[in-house]
Amino acid sequence: GKCQTYEGGLGGVPYSEAHGGYAFCGLAALQLINRTDVLDMEAMRGWLVRRQTGYEGGFAGRTNKLVDGCYSFWQGGAMAI
């Protein structure tokens, strides 16, 4: 998809930064219409698991950002899809 970034996540618009909320919502929407084939799912999975930090164990919503509890929902939910 055009909103999938070079990192593998999804941004809100083409060529923007990947974000946990957009990744979940975009992936869920594509799953509902059976079109996850437009994404590089290996890159998406890689981006999702790289958002989990080693020290805190939680998830950050974007690269090089701090952990936030809400992203456990967004990233965890996306991984379940």
C-alpha atoms as a PDB file:
ATOM      1  CA  GLY A   1       0.000   0.000   0.000  1.00  0.00           C
ATOM      2  CA  LYS A   2       1.047   3.579  -0.532  1.00  0.00           C
ATOM      3  CA  CYS A   3       0.885   4.369   3.176  1.00  0.00           C
ATOM      4  CA  GLN A   4       3.268   1.521   4.070  1.00  0.00           C
ATOM      5  CA  THR A   5       6.602   3.048   4.978  1.00  0.00           C
ATOM      6  CA  TYR A   6      10.127   1.856   4.284  1.00  0.00           C
ATOM      7  CA  GLU A   7      10.125   0.514   7.884  1.00  0.00           C
ATOM      8  CA  GLY A   8       7.086  -1.689   7.240  1.00  0.00           C
ATOM      9  CA  GLY A   9       4.438   0.080   9.332  1.00  0.00           C
ATOM     10  CA  LEU A  10       1.634   2.318   8.119  1.00  0.00           C
ATOM     11  CA  GLY A  11       1.431   6.083   8.200  1.00  0.00           C
ATOM     12  CA  GLY A  12      -1.638   8.274   7.977  1.00  0.00           C
ATOM     13  CA  VAL A  13      -0.759   9.528   4.493  1.00  0.00           C
ATOM     14  CA  PRO A  14       1.737   8.377   1.858  1.00  0.00           C
ATOM     15  CA  TYR A  15       5.398   9.014   2.754  1.00  0.00           C
ATOM     16  CA  SER A  16       4.664   9.800   6.411  1.00  0.00           C
ATOM     17  CA  GLU A  17       6.068   8.211   9.561  1.00  0.00           C
ATOM     18  CA  ALA A  18       4.743   4.780  10.545  1.00  0.00           C
ATOM     19  CA  HIS A  19       2.496   4.897  13.631  1.00  0.00           C
ATOM     20  CA  GLY A  20       0.980   2.166  15.787  1.00  0.00           C
ATOM     21  CA  GLY A  21      -2.582   3.452  15.598  1.00  0.00           C
ATOM     22  CA  TYR A  22      -2.508   3.811  11.831  1.00  0.00           C
ATOM     23  CA  ALA A  23      -0.893   0.391  11.503  1.00  0.00           C
ATOM     24  CA  PHE A  24      -3.709  -1.262  13.444  1.00  0.00           C
ATOM     25  CA  CYS A  25      -6.549   0.632  11.758  1.00  0.00           C
ATOM     26  CA  GLY A  26      -5.138   0.234   8.259  1.00  0.00           C
ATOM     27  CA  LEU A  27      -4.409  -3.460   8.714  1.00  0.00           C
ATOM     28  CA  ALA A  28      -7.831  -4.102  10.261  1.00  0.00           C
ATOM     29  CA  ALA A  29      -9.602  -2.278   7.424  1.00  0.00           C
ATOM     30  CA  LEU A  30      -7.661  -4.234   4.806  1.00  0.00           C
ATOM     31  CA  GLN A  31      -8.424  -7.494   6.615  1.00  0.00           C
ATOM     32  CA  LEU A  32     -12.152  -6.670   6.591  1.00  0.00           C
ATOM     33  CA  ILE A  33     -12.114  -6.309   2.815  1.00  0.00           C
ATOM     34  CA  ASN A  34      -9.714  -9.244   2.325  1.00  0.00           C
ATOM     35  CA  ARG A  35      -6.962  -7.061   0.808  1.00  0.00           C
ATOM     36  CA  THR A  36      -3.969  -7.533   3.109  1.00  0.00           C
ATOM     37  CA  ASP A  37      -2.227  -8.742  -0.046  1.00  0.00           C
ATOM     38  CA  VAL A  38      -1.475  -5.089  -0.901  1.00  0.00           C
ATOM     39  CA  LEU A  39       0.917  -4.912   2.063  1.00  0.00           C
ATOM     40  CA  ASP A  40       4.334  -6.402   2.611  1.00  0.00           C
ATOM     41  CA  MET A  41       3.215  -8.438   5.622  1.00  0.00           C
ATOM     42  CA  GLU A  42       6.722  -9.616   6.514  1.00  0.00           C
ATOM     43  CA  ALA A  43       7.828  -5.985   6.758  1.00  0.00           C
ATOM     44  CA  MET A  44       4.694  -5.145   8.776  1.00  0.00           C
ATOM     45  CA  ARG A  45       5.353  -7.958  11.269  1.00  0.00           C
ATOM     46  CA  GLY A  46       8.964  -6.851  11.601  1.00  0.00           C
ATOM     47  CA  TRP A  47       7.958  -3.271  12.277  1.00  0.00           C
ATOM     48  CA  LEU A  48       5.412  -4.349  14.884  1.00  0.00           C
ATOM     49  CA  VAL A  49       7.780  -6.541  16.870  1.00  0.00           C
ATOM     50  CA  ARG A  50      10.534  -3.905  16.761  1.00  0.00           C
ATOM     51  CA  ARG A  51       8.215  -1.500  18.586  1.00  0.00           C
ATOM     52  CA  GLN A  52       8.437  -3.626  21.748  1.00  0.00           C
ATOM     53  CA  THR A  53      11.209  -2.378  23.995  1.00  0.00           C
ATOM     54  CA  GLY A  54      13.584  -4.625  25.883  1.00  0.00           C
ATOM     55  CA  TYR A  55      13.829  -2.597  29.070  1.00  0.00           C
ATOM     56  CA  GLU A  56      10.200  -1.717  29.773  1.00  0.00           C
ATOM     57  CA  GLY A  57       8.678  -4.576  27.788  1.00  0.00           C
ATOM     58  CA  GLY A  58       5.918  -2.318  26.494  1.00  0.00           C
ATOM     59  CA  PHE A  59       5.332  -0.915  23.032  1.00  0.00           C
ATOM     60  CA  ALA A  60       6.207   2.418  21.479  1.00  0.00           C
ATOM     61  CA  GLY A  61       3.924   3.817  18.797  1.00  0.00           C
ATOM     62  CA  ARG A  62       6.726   5.078  16.569  1.00  0.00           C
ATOM     63  CA  THR A  63      10.417   4.460  16.051  1.00  0.00           C
ATOM     64  CA  ASN A  64      12.634   6.031  18.735  1.00  0.00           C
ATOM     65  CA  LYS A  65       9.720   7.058  20.943  1.00  0.00           C
ATOM     66  CA  LEU A  66       8.896   6.141  24.532  1.00  0.00           C
ATOM     67  CA  VAL A  67       6.659   3.269  25.580  1.00  0.00           C
ATOM     68  CA  ASP A  68       2.976   4.101  26.039  1.00  0.00           C
ATOM     69  CA  GLY A  69       0.394   1.675  27.395  1.00  0.00           C
ATOM     70  CA  CYS A  70      -2.104   2.323  24.606  1.00  0.00           C
ATOM     71  CA  TYR A  71       0.312   0.884  22.051  1.00  0.00           C
ATOM     72  CA  SER A  72       0.113  -2.518  23.715  1.00  0.00           C
ATOM     73  CA  PHE A  73      -3.440  -2.519  22.360  1.00  0.00           C
ATOM     74  CA  TRP A  74      -2.617  -1.132  18.911  1.00  0.00           C
ATOM     75  CA  GLN A  75       0.475  -3.242  18.235  1.00  0.00           C
ATOM     76  CA  GLY A  76      -0.843  -6.330  20.016  1.00  0.00           C
ATOM     77  CA  GLY A  77      -4.128  -6.068  18.147  1.00  0.00           C
ATOM     78  CA  ALA A  78      -2.365  -5.678  14.815  1.00  0.00           C
ATOM     79  CA  MET A  79      -0.255  -8.758  15.506  1.00  0.00           C
ATOM     80  CA  ALA A  80      -3.415 -10.746  16.237  1.00  0.00           C
ATOM     81  CA  ILE A  81      -4.804  -9.838  12.807  1.00  0.00           C
END
